[in-house]
Amino acid sequence: MNTTTISREEIIAAEDQLFSAQLISNVAALDQLLHDDLIAVAPNGQLLTKEMDLNAHRAKAMIIEEASTEINEIKITGNTALAIVTMTARGTMMGTPLEGKFRYFRVWKHFDNSLKIIGASFMQLP
């Protein structure tokens, strides 16, 4: 059983790595950060898997032209952490212009010397 405790600094670093990988659709980096059994919930309620996310990045379905993030909250329990992050972004999603603020809720877990996202949800803020 993995009992490694996660630090706030590790979560901040992992969130920075994730944001950098998302900006340029770095599929190899995303593959390392997302757990194989990831489940994410999209704003429309659709359940998304790791493979679906990676395929969207491979296809360049979302092009981020400008973005910034702010970590709102990090809660750590042993080898699991919850991160709430707000992203302000502008770009296109499958050719449709997209702009606004988005709130992400991610669950990070420590596995064999690395952090991986095991669960996530996101929504567009008004």
N, C-alpha and C. Protein backbone atom coordinates (compact mmCIF):
# COMPACT_ATOMS: atom_id res chain seq x y z
N MET A 1 0.84 -1.18 0.00
CA MET A 1 0.00 0.00 0.00
C MET A 1 0.89 1.25 0.00
N ASN A 2 0.54 2.22 -0.83
CA ASN A 2 1.31 3.45 -0.97
C ASN A 2 0.86 4.45 0.09
N THR A 3 1.76 4.80 1.01
CA THR A 3 1.41 5.73 2.08
C THR A 3 2.21 7.02 2.02
N THR A 4 2.85 7.31 0.90
CA THR A 4 3.63 8.52 0.75
C THR A 4 2.72 9.74 0.90
N THR A 5 3.16 10.70 1.72
CA THR A 5 2.40 11.93 1.89
C THR A 5 2.79 12.93 0.80
N ILE A 6 1.80 13.63 0.28
CA ILE A 6 2.01 14.62 -0.76
C ILE A 6 2.17 15.99 -0.10
N SER A 7 3.04 16.82 -0.68
CA SER A 7 3.18 18.19 -0.19
C SER A 7 2.44 19.16 -1.11
N ARG A 8 2.12 20.30 -0.56
CA ARG A 8 1.47 21.36 -1.34
C ARG A 8 2.34 21.76 -2.53
N GLU A 9 3.65 21.83 -2.31
CA GLU A 9 4.59 22.21 -3.38
C GLU A 9 4.56 21.20 -4.53
N GLU A 10 4.42 19.91 -4.20
CA GLU A 10 4.34 18.89 -5.25
C GLU A 10 3.07 19.07 -6.10
N ILE A 11 1.97 19.41 -5.47
CA ILE A 11 0.72 19.62 -6.22
C ILE A 11 0.84 20.86 -7.10
N ILE A 12 1.42 21.92 -6.57
CA ILE A 12 1.62 23.13 -7.38
C ILE A 12 2.49 22.82 -8.60
N ALA A 13 3.56 22.08 -8.40
CA ALA A 13 4.45 21.69 -9.50
C ALA A 13 3.71 20.81 -10.52
N ALA A 14 2.91 19.87 -10.03
CA ALA A 14 2.16 18.98 -10.93
C ALA A 14 1.12 19.76 -11.72
N GLU A 15 0.44 20.71 -11.07
CA GLU A 15 -0.54 21.55 -11.77
C GLU A 15 0.15 22.40 -12.84
N ASP A 16 1.34 22.91 -12.54
CA ASP A 16 2.11 23.67 -13.52
C ASP A 16 2.50 22.80 -14.71
N GLN A 17 2.93 21.56 -14.44
CA GLN A 17 3.28 20.63 -15.52
C GLN A 17 2.06 20.33 -16.38
N LEU A 18 0.91 20.12 -15.73
CA LEU A 18 -0.32 19.83 -16.46
C LEU A 18 -0.70 21.00 -17.36
N PHE A 19 -0.69 22.21 -16.80
CA PHE A 19 -1.05 23.41 -17.56
C PHE A 19 -0.13 23.57 -18.77
N SER A 20 1.16 23.41 -18.58
CA SER A 20 2.12 23.52 -19.69
C SER A 20 1.84 22.47 -20.76
N ALA A 21 1.54 21.26 -20.35
CA ALA A 21 1.25 20.18 -21.31
C ALA A 21 -0.05 20.45 -22.07
N GLN A 22 -1.06 20.97 -21.38
CA GLN A 22 -2.34 21.27 -22.03
C GLN A 22 -2.18 22.37 -23.06
N LEU A 23 -1.40 23.38 -22.75
CA LEU A 23 -1.23 24.53 -23.66
C LEU A 23 -0.73 24.12 -25.02
N ILE A 24 0.18 23.15 -25.06
CA ILE A 24 0.78 22.75 -26.34
C ILE A 24 0.35 21.35 -26.78
N SER A 25 -0.67 20.80 -26.10
CA SER A 25 -1.16 19.44 -26.40
C SER A 25 -0.01 18.42 -26.40
N ASN A 26 0.80 18.46 -25.35
CA ASN A 26 1.92 17.52 -25.19
C ASN A 26 1.36 16.19 -24.69
N VAL A 27 1.01 15.32 -25.63
CA VAL A 27 0.35 14.05 -25.31
C VAL A 27 1.23 13.16 -24.44
N ALA A 28 2.54 13.15 -24.69
CA ALA A 28 3.44 12.31 -23.88
C ALA A 28 3.42 12.75 -22.42
N ALA A 29 3.48 14.05 -22.17
CA ALA A 29 3.45 14.55 -20.79
C ALA A 29 2.09 14.28 -20.15
N LEU A 30 1.02 14.50 -20.90
CA LEU A 30 -0.33 14.24 -20.37
C LEU A 30 -0.50 12.77 -20.04
N ASP A 31 0.06 11.90 -20.87
CA ASP A 31 -0.02 10.46 -20.63
C ASP A 31 0.61 10.10 -19.28
N GLN A 32 1.67 10.80 -18.90
CA GLN A 32 2.34 10.55 -17.62
C GLN A 32 1.56 11.12 -16.44
N LEU A 33 0.83 12.20 -16.64
CA LEU A 33 0.12 12.87 -15.55
C LEU A 33 -1.27 12.31 -15.29
N LEU A 34 -1.87 11.68 -16.28
CA LEU A 34 -3.22 11.13 -16.14
C LEU A 34 -3.16 9.64 -15.83
N HIS A 35 -3.88 9.21 -14.81
CA HIS A 35 -3.94 7.79 -14.46
C HIS A 35 -4.72 7.05 -15.54
N ASP A 36 -4.35 5.81 -15.79
CA ASP A 36 -5.03 5.02 -16.83
C ASP A 36 -6.52 4.88 -16.57
N ASP A 37 -6.95 4.89 -15.31
CA ASP A 37 -8.36 4.73 -14.96
C ASP A 37 -9.05 6.07 -14.67
N LEU A 38 -8.48 7.18 -15.17
CA LEU A 38 -9.06 8.50 -14.96
C LEU A 38 -10.53 8.54 -15.38
N ILE A 39 -11.34 9.19 -14.56
CA ILE A 39 -12.70 9.53 -14.93
C ILE A 39 -12.86 11.03 -14.70
N ALA A 40 -13.31 11.74 -15.72
CA ALA A 40 -13.56 13.17 -15.61
C ALA A 40 -15.00 13.43 -16.03
N VAL A 41 -15.59 14.46 -15.45
CA VAL A 41 -16.96 14.84 -15.78
C VAL A 41 -16.92 16.20 -16.48
N ALA A 42 -17.43 16.24 -17.71
CA ALA A 42 -17.49 17.47 -18.49
C ALA A 42 -18.68 18.31 -18.03
N PRO A 43 -18.71 19.60 -18.41
CA PRO A 43 -19.82 20.46 -18.00
C PRO A 43 -21.21 19.95 -18.40
N ASN A 44 -21.28 19.17 -19.49
CA ASN A 44 -22.57 18.63 -19.93
C ASN A 44 -22.92 17.30 -19.26
N GLY A 45 -22.06 16.86 -18.32
CA GLY A 45 -22.31 15.61 -17.61
C GLY A 45 -21.67 14.39 -18.24
N GLN A 46 -21.09 14.55 -19.42
CA GLN A 46 -20.44 13.43 -20.11
C GLN A 46 -19.25 12.94 -19.30
N LEU A 47 -19.10 11.61 -19.22
CA LEU A 47 -17.94 11.02 -18.57
C LEU A 47 -16.82 10.88 -19.59
N LEU A 48 -15.64 11.35 -19.22
CA LEU A 48 -14.48 11.31 -20.10
C LEU A 48 -13.41 10.41 -19.52
N THR A 49 -12.69 9.72 -20.38
CA THR A 49 -11.61 8.83 -19.96
C THR A 49 -10.26 9.45 -20.35
N LYS A 50 -9.20 8.86 -19.87
CA LYS A 50 -7.86 9.30 -20.24
C LYS A 50 -7.69 9.24 -21.75
N GLU A 51 -8.09 8.14 -22.34
CA GLU A 51 -7.90 7.97 -23.78
C GLU A 51 -8.67 9.02 -24.57
N MET A 52 -9.88 9.35 -24.12
CA MET A 52 -10.66 10.40 -24.79
C MET A 52 -9.93 11.74 -24.73
N ASP A 53 -9.36 12.06 -23.56
CA ASP A 53 -8.63 13.31 -23.40
C ASP A 53 -7.40 13.34 -24.28
N LEU A 54 -6.64 12.25 -24.25
CA LEU A 54 -5.43 12.19 -25.08
C LEU A 54 -5.77 12.29 -26.57
N ASN A 55 -6.85 11.62 -26.99
CA ASN A 55 -7.26 11.68 -28.40
C ASN A 55 -7.66 13.09 -28.81
N ALA A 56 -8.31 13.83 -27.91
CA ALA A 56 -8.68 15.22 -28.20
C ALA A 56 -7.42 16.07 -28.39
N HIS A 57 -6.40 15.82 -27.58
CA HIS A 57 -5.15 16.57 -27.74
C HIS A 57 -4.41 16.14 -29.00
N ARG A 58 -4.44 14.85 -29.32
CA ARG A 58 -3.79 14.37 -30.56
C ARG A 58 -4.43 15.03 -31.78
N ALA A 59 -5.76 15.18 -31.75
CA ALA A 59 -6.50 15.75 -32.87
C ALA A 59 -6.48 17.28 -32.87
N LYS A 60 -5.86 17.86 -31.82
CA LYS A 60 -5.83 19.33 -31.67
C LYS A 60 -7.26 19.89 -31.68
N ALA A 61 -8.17 19.19 -30.99
CA ALA A 61 -9.58 19.62 -30.92
C ALA A 61 -9.72 20.95 -30.19
N MET A 62 -8.82 21.22 -29.25
CA MET A 62 -8.86 22.49 -28.55
C MET A 62 -7.54 23.21 -28.78
N ILE A 63 -7.64 24.40 -29.28
CA ILE A 63 -6.46 25.23 -29.50
C ILE A 63 -6.54 26.38 -28.49
N ILE A 64 -5.57 26.43 -27.58
CA ILE A 64 -5.54 27.49 -26.57
C ILE A 64 -4.62 28.59 -27.07
N GLU A 65 -5.20 29.77 -27.30
CA GLU A 65 -4.42 30.90 -27.80
C GLU A 65 -3.82 31.71 -26.65
N GLU A 66 -4.56 31.80 -25.57
CA GLU A 66 -4.11 32.57 -24.42
C GLU A 66 -4.75 31.97 -23.18
N ALA A 67 -3.97 31.80 -22.11
CA ALA A 67 -4.53 31.20 -20.89
C ALA A 67 -3.67 31.53 -19.68
N SER A 68 -4.32 31.50 -18.53
CA SER A 68 -3.62 31.62 -17.26
C SER A 68 -4.39 30.80 -16.23
N THR A 69 -3.69 30.38 -15.18
CA THR A 69 -4.36 29.61 -14.13
C THR A 69 -4.06 30.21 -12.77
N GLU A 70 -4.98 29.91 -11.86
CA GLU A 70 -4.82 30.29 -10.46
C GLU A 70 -5.28 29.12 -9.62
N ILE A 71 -4.42 28.67 -8.70
CA ILE A 71 -4.81 27.59 -7.80
C ILE A 71 -5.60 28.21 -6.66
N ASN A 72 -6.87 27.80 -6.53
CA ASN A 72 -7.74 28.36 -5.51
C ASN A 72 -7.64 27.63 -4.18
N GLU A 73 -7.44 26.32 -4.24
CA GLU A 73 -7.46 25.51 -3.01
C GLU A 73 -6.73 24.20 -3.25
N ILE A 74 -6.02 23.76 -2.23
CA ILE A 74 -5.40 22.43 -2.23
C ILE A 74 -5.69 21.81 -0.88
N LYS A 75 -6.28 20.63 -0.88
CA LYS A 75 -6.52 19.86 0.35
C LYS A 75 -5.81 18.53 0.22
N ILE A 76 -4.98 18.20 1.20
CA ILE A 76 -4.18 16.98 1.14
C ILE A 76 -4.59 16.04 2.25
N THR A 77 -4.80 14.77 1.87
CA THR A 77 -5.06 13.70 2.83
C THR A 77 -4.14 12.54 2.46
N GLY A 78 -3.04 12.42 3.20
CA GLY A 78 -2.10 11.33 2.92
C GLY A 78 -1.52 11.40 1.54
N ASN A 79 -1.78 10.36 0.72
CA ASN A 79 -1.21 10.30 -0.63
C ASN A 79 -2.20 10.75 -1.70
N THR A 80 -3.23 11.48 -1.28
CA THR A 80 -4.25 11.99 -2.20
C THR A 80 -4.44 13.48 -1.94
N ALA A 81 -4.64 14.24 -3.01
CA ALA A 81 -4.87 15.67 -2.87
C ALA A 81 -5.98 16.12 -3.80
N LEU A 82 -6.73 17.11 -3.33
CA LEU A 82 -7.77 17.74 -4.14
C LEU A 82 -7.27 19.12 -4.50
N ALA A 83 -7.34 19.47 -5.76
CA ALA A 83 -6.92 20.80 -6.21
C ALA A 83 -8.08 21.46 -6.95
N ILE A 84 -8.36 22.70 -6.59
CA ILE A 84 -9.36 23.49 -7.29
C ILE A 84 -8.61 24.62 -7.98
N VAL A 85 -8.77 24.69 -9.30
CA VAL A 85 -8.00 25.62 -10.12
C VAL A 85 -8.95 26.38 -11.04
N THR A 86 -8.70 27.68 -11.19
CA THR A 86 -9.45 28.49 -12.15
C THR A 86 -8.54 28.82 -13.32
N MET A 87 -9.03 28.54 -14.52
CA MET A 87 -8.30 28.86 -15.75
C MET A 87 -9.09 29.91 -16.52
N THR A 88 -8.39 30.96 -16.92
CA THR A 88 -8.96 31.94 -17.83
C THR A 88 -8.33 31.64 -19.18
N ALA A 89 -9.18 31.39 -20.19
CA ALA A 89 -8.64 30.95 -21.48
C ALA A 89 -9.41 31.55 -22.65
N ARG A 90 -8.68 31.61 -23.76
CA ARG A 90 -9.27 32.01 -25.03
C ARG A 90 -8.69 31.11 -26.10
N GLY A 91 -9.56 30.62 -26.98
CA GLY A 91 -9.11 29.73 -28.04
C GLY A 91 -10.28 29.21 -28.84
N THR A 92 -10.12 27.99 -29.37
CA THR A 92 -11.20 27.35 -30.12
C THR A 92 -11.36 25.90 -29.67
N MET A 93 -12.59 25.43 -29.69
CA MET A 93 -12.90 24.04 -29.39
C MET A 93 -13.60 23.48 -30.60
N MET A 94 -12.92 22.57 -31.29
CA MET A 94 -13.42 21.97 -32.52
C MET A 94 -13.88 23.05 -33.50
N GLY A 95 -13.05 24.10 -33.63
CA GLY A 95 -13.32 25.17 -34.59
C GLY A 95 -14.22 26.28 -34.09
N THR A 96 -14.85 26.10 -32.93
CA THR A 96 -15.76 27.10 -32.38
C THR A 96 -15.02 27.97 -31.38
N PRO A 97 -15.10 29.30 -31.52
CA PRO A 97 -14.43 30.18 -30.56
C PRO A 97 -14.90 29.90 -29.13
N LEU A 98 -13.95 29.96 -28.21
CA LEU A 98 -14.25 29.68 -26.80
C LEU A 98 -13.45 30.67 -25.96
N GLU A 99 -14.13 31.31 -25.02
CA GLU A 99 -13.45 32.26 -24.15
C GLU A 99 -14.17 32.31 -22.81
N GLY A 100 -13.41 32.36 -21.73
CA GLY A 100 -14.04 32.50 -20.43
C GLY A 100 -13.18 31.98 -19.30
N LYS A 101 -13.84 31.85 -18.15
CA LYS A 101 -13.19 31.30 -16.97
C LYS A 101 -13.77 29.92 -16.72
N PHE A 102 -12.88 29.00 -16.35
CA PHE A 102 -13.27 27.62 -16.12
C PHE A 102 -12.75 27.18 -14.76
N ARG A 103 -13.54 26.44 -14.02
CA ARG A 103 -13.11 25.94 -12.72
C ARG A 103 -12.92 24.44 -12.83
N TYR A 104 -11.76 23.98 -12.39
CA TYR A 104 -11.40 22.56 -12.42
C TYR A 104 -11.28 22.03 -11.00
N PHE A 105 -11.76 20.83 -10.80
CA PHE A 105 -11.62 20.10 -9.54
C PHE A 105 -10.89 18.83 -9.90
N ARG A 106 -9.66 18.66 -9.38
CA ARG A 106 -8.87 17.49 -9.74
C ARG A 106 -8.45 16.72 -8.49
N VAL A 107 -8.42 15.41 -8.62
CA VAL A 107 -7.97 14.53 -7.55
C VAL A 107 -6.63 13.93 -8.00
N TRP A 108 -5.59 14.26 -7.26
CA TRP A 108 -4.24 13.75 -7.52
C TRP A 108 -3.94 12.66 -6.51
N LYS A 109 -3.26 11.60 -6.96
CA LYS A 109 -2.86 10.52 -6.08
C LYS A 109 -1.42 10.14 -6.37
N HIS A 110 -0.69 9.81 -5.32
CA HIS A 110 0.72 9.43 -5.47
C HIS A 110 0.81 7.95 -5.82
N PHE A 111 1.49 7.65 -6.94
CA PHE A 111 1.72 6.27 -7.40
C PHE A 111 3.20 6.12 -7.75
N ASP A 112 3.88 5.19 -7.10
CA ASP A 112 5.26 4.85 -7.49
C ASP A 112 6.11 6.06 -7.88
N ASN A 113 6.29 6.97 -6.95
CA ASN A 113 7.14 8.14 -7.14
C ASN A 113 6.63 9.17 -8.14
N SER A 114 5.33 9.13 -8.46
CA SER A 114 4.79 10.16 -9.34
C SER A 114 3.34 10.47 -8.96
N LEU A 115 2.91 11.66 -9.29
CA LEU A 115 1.53 12.08 -9.06
C LEU A 115 0.73 11.89 -10.33
N LYS A 116 -0.48 11.39 -10.18
CA LYS A 116 -1.36 11.20 -11.33
C LYS A 116 -2.76 11.66 -10.96
N ILE A 117 -3.47 12.18 -11.96
CA ILE A 117 -4.87 12.58 -11.76
C ILE A 117 -5.74 11.34 -11.90
N ILE A 118 -6.56 11.08 -10.87
CA ILE A 118 -7.47 9.93 -10.92
C ILE A 118 -8.91 10.35 -11.15
N GLY A 119 -9.22 11.62 -10.91
CA GLY A 119 -10.58 12.10 -11.11
C GLY A 119 -10.58 13.60 -11.33
N ALA A 120 -11.55 14.08 -12.10
CA ALA A 120 -11.62 15.52 -12.39
C ALA A 120 -13.02 15.89 -12.83
N SER A 121 -13.32 17.16 -12.67
CA SER A 121 -14.53 17.74 -13.26
C SER A 121 -14.22 19.19 -13.58
N PHE A 122 -14.99 19.75 -14.48
CA PHE A 122 -14.76 21.15 -14.82
C PHE A 122 -16.05 21.78 -15.32
N MET A 123 -16.12 23.11 -15.16
CA MET A 123 -17.29 23.85 -15.57
C MET A 123 -16.88 25.24 -16.00
N GLN A 124 -17.70 25.84 -16.85
CA GLN A 124 -17.45 27.23 -17.21
C GLN A 124 -18.14 28.12 -16.20
N LEU A 125 -17.43 29.12 -15.72
CA LEU A 125 -17.98 30.05 -14.75
C LEU A 125 -18.78 31.15 -15.46
N PRO A 126 -19.81 31.65 -14.81
CA PRO A 126 -20.60 32.73 -15.44
C PRO A 126 -19.79 34.01 -15.60
